[in-house]
N, C-alpha and C. Protein backbone atom coordinates (compact mmCIF):
# COMPACT_ATOMS: atom_id res chain seq x y z
N MET A 1 23.17 10.22 -4.34
CA MET A 1 22.02 10.12 -3.47
C MET A 1 21.97 11.32 -2.53
N PHE A 2 23.12 11.70 -1.95
CA PHE A 2 23.10 12.81 -1.01
C PHE A 2 22.75 14.13 -1.70
N THR A 3 23.18 14.31 -2.93
CA THR A 3 22.81 15.52 -3.66
C THR A 3 21.31 15.58 -3.88
N LEU A 4 20.71 14.46 -4.22
CA LEU A 4 19.27 14.41 -4.41
C LEU A 4 18.54 14.72 -3.10
N LEU A 5 19.02 14.19 -1.99
CA LEU A 5 18.39 14.48 -0.70
C LEU A 5 18.53 15.94 -0.32
N GLU A 6 19.63 16.57 -0.73
CA GLU A 6 19.83 17.99 -0.43
C GLU A 6 18.92 18.88 -1.27
N THR A 7 18.72 18.52 -2.52
CA THR A 7 18.00 19.40 -3.44
C THR A 7 16.51 19.07 -3.59
N ALA A 8 16.13 17.81 -3.48
CA ALA A 8 14.73 17.41 -3.69
C ALA A 8 14.36 16.25 -2.78
N PRO A 9 14.33 16.47 -1.47
CA PRO A 9 14.07 15.34 -0.56
C PRO A 9 12.68 14.74 -0.66
N TRP A 10 11.70 15.48 -1.16
CA TRP A 10 10.33 14.98 -1.21
C TRP A 10 10.08 14.08 -2.42
N THR A 11 11.11 13.74 -3.19
CA THR A 11 10.92 12.86 -4.34
C THR A 11 10.78 11.40 -3.95
N GLY A 12 11.13 11.04 -2.73
CA GLY A 12 10.94 9.66 -2.27
C GLY A 12 9.47 9.37 -2.04
N ARG A 13 9.18 8.13 -1.69
CA ARG A 13 7.78 7.80 -1.39
C ARG A 13 7.64 7.47 0.09
N SER A 14 6.47 7.69 0.60
CA SER A 14 6.20 7.52 2.02
C SER A 14 6.50 6.08 2.46
N SER A 15 7.12 5.95 3.61
CA SER A 15 7.38 4.61 4.13
C SER A 15 6.14 4.01 4.78
N ASN A 16 5.09 4.81 4.93
CA ASN A 16 3.82 4.37 5.50
C ASN A 16 2.74 4.52 4.43
N PRO A 17 2.35 3.43 3.77
CA PRO A 17 1.36 3.51 2.69
C PRO A 17 0.01 4.12 3.11
N SER A 18 -0.35 3.98 4.36
CA SER A 18 -1.63 4.54 4.81
C SER A 18 -1.55 6.05 5.07
N ASN A 19 -0.33 6.61 5.06
CA ASN A 19 -0.15 8.06 5.25
C ASN A 19 0.83 8.57 4.19
N PRO A 20 0.33 8.87 2.99
CA PRO A 20 1.23 9.26 1.91
C PRO A 20 1.91 10.61 2.13
N ASP A 21 1.45 11.41 3.07
CA ASP A 21 2.06 12.71 3.35
C ASP A 21 3.04 12.68 4.51
N ALA A 22 3.41 11.50 4.96
CA ALA A 22 4.33 11.37 6.10
C ALA A 22 5.71 11.92 5.73
N ASN A 23 6.46 12.30 6.74
CA ASN A 23 7.79 12.85 6.47
C ASN A 23 8.90 11.80 6.57
N MET A 24 8.55 10.54 6.79
CA MET A 24 9.52 9.43 6.73
C MET A 24 9.37 8.81 5.34
N LEU A 25 10.43 8.91 4.54
CA LEU A 25 10.37 8.50 3.14
C LEU A 25 11.42 7.43 2.83
N THR A 26 11.18 6.72 1.74
CA THR A 26 12.15 5.75 1.24
C THR A 26 12.43 6.03 -0.22
N MET A 27 13.65 5.65 -0.65
CA MET A 27 14.01 5.83 -2.05
C MET A 27 15.01 4.73 -2.44
N PRO A 28 14.73 4.04 -3.53
CA PRO A 28 15.68 3.02 -3.99
C PRO A 28 16.89 3.70 -4.64
N PHE A 29 18.03 3.01 -4.60
CA PHE A 29 19.22 3.50 -5.28
C PHE A 29 20.04 2.32 -5.77
N GLY A 30 20.80 2.54 -6.81
CA GLY A 30 21.60 1.46 -7.38
C GLY A 30 20.72 0.32 -7.84
N GLU A 31 21.30 -0.88 -7.85
CA GLU A 31 20.54 -2.05 -8.28
C GLU A 31 19.63 -2.60 -7.20
N ARG A 32 20.12 -2.64 -5.95
CA ARG A 32 19.31 -3.24 -4.88
C ARG A 32 19.45 -2.50 -3.56
N GLY A 33 19.53 -1.19 -3.61
CA GLY A 33 19.66 -0.40 -2.39
C GLY A 33 18.38 0.31 -2.03
N LEU A 34 18.23 0.63 -0.76
CA LEU A 34 17.07 1.35 -0.28
C LEU A 34 17.53 2.25 0.87
N ILE A 35 17.18 3.52 0.78
CA ILE A 35 17.51 4.46 1.85
C ILE A 35 16.21 4.95 2.47
N THR A 36 16.17 5.00 3.79
CA THR A 36 15.03 5.52 4.53
C THR A 36 15.50 6.78 5.24
N TYR A 37 14.72 7.85 5.12
CA TYR A 37 15.15 9.13 5.68
C TYR A 37 13.95 9.93 6.18
N LEU A 38 14.26 10.88 7.03
CA LEU A 38 13.26 11.73 7.66
C LEU A 38 13.48 13.16 7.20
N VAL A 39 12.41 13.83 6.75
CA VAL A 39 12.48 15.21 6.30
C VAL A 39 11.81 16.10 7.35
N LEU A 40 12.58 17.07 7.87
CA LEU A 40 12.03 18.06 8.80
C LEU A 40 11.99 19.39 8.06
N GLU A 41 10.83 19.69 7.51
CA GLU A 41 10.66 20.88 6.66
C GLU A 41 10.89 22.17 7.43
N ARG A 42 10.41 22.23 8.64
CA ARG A 42 10.52 23.47 9.42
C ARG A 42 11.97 23.91 9.60
N THR A 43 12.85 22.97 9.87
CA THR A 43 14.27 23.31 10.07
C THR A 43 15.11 23.03 8.83
N ARG A 44 14.46 22.59 7.74
CA ARG A 44 15.12 22.30 6.47
C ARG A 44 16.27 21.29 6.66
N GLU A 45 15.94 20.19 7.35
CA GLU A 45 16.92 19.15 7.63
C GLU A 45 16.43 17.81 7.09
N VAL A 46 17.38 16.96 6.72
CA VAL A 46 17.10 15.60 6.29
C VAL A 46 18.01 14.68 7.09
N TYR A 47 17.43 13.68 7.73
CA TYR A 47 18.19 12.70 8.51
C TYR A 47 18.07 11.33 7.87
N VAL A 48 19.20 10.73 7.58
CA VAL A 48 19.21 9.37 7.04
C VAL A 48 19.03 8.42 8.22
N VAL A 49 17.99 7.60 8.14
CA VAL A 49 17.64 6.67 9.22
C VAL A 49 18.25 5.29 8.96
N ARG A 50 18.18 4.83 7.72
CA ARG A 50 18.67 3.49 7.40
C ARG A 50 19.11 3.43 5.95
N VAL A 51 20.20 2.71 5.72
CA VAL A 51 20.67 2.43 4.36
C VAL A 51 20.79 0.92 4.26
N GLN A 52 20.12 0.33 3.27
CA GLN A 52 20.14 -1.12 3.07
C GLN A 52 20.54 -1.43 1.63
N TRP A 53 21.34 -2.46 1.45
CA TRP A 53 21.58 -2.98 0.12
C TRP A 53 21.99 -4.43 0.23
N LEU A 54 21.69 -5.15 -0.82
CA LEU A 54 21.98 -6.59 -0.87
C LEU A 54 22.98 -6.88 -1.96
């Protein structure tokens, strides 16, 4: 997951359906995991906000 966030962070989908171009994204992982992260393009940084799994 971290390699994907480093190389292609925009592959997730927007966490706000009414704003598909938002920089807060979510991406499923594993069988029942979900990671929410923030992409700051100007500084080329990605911040993991939340990791959830059941």
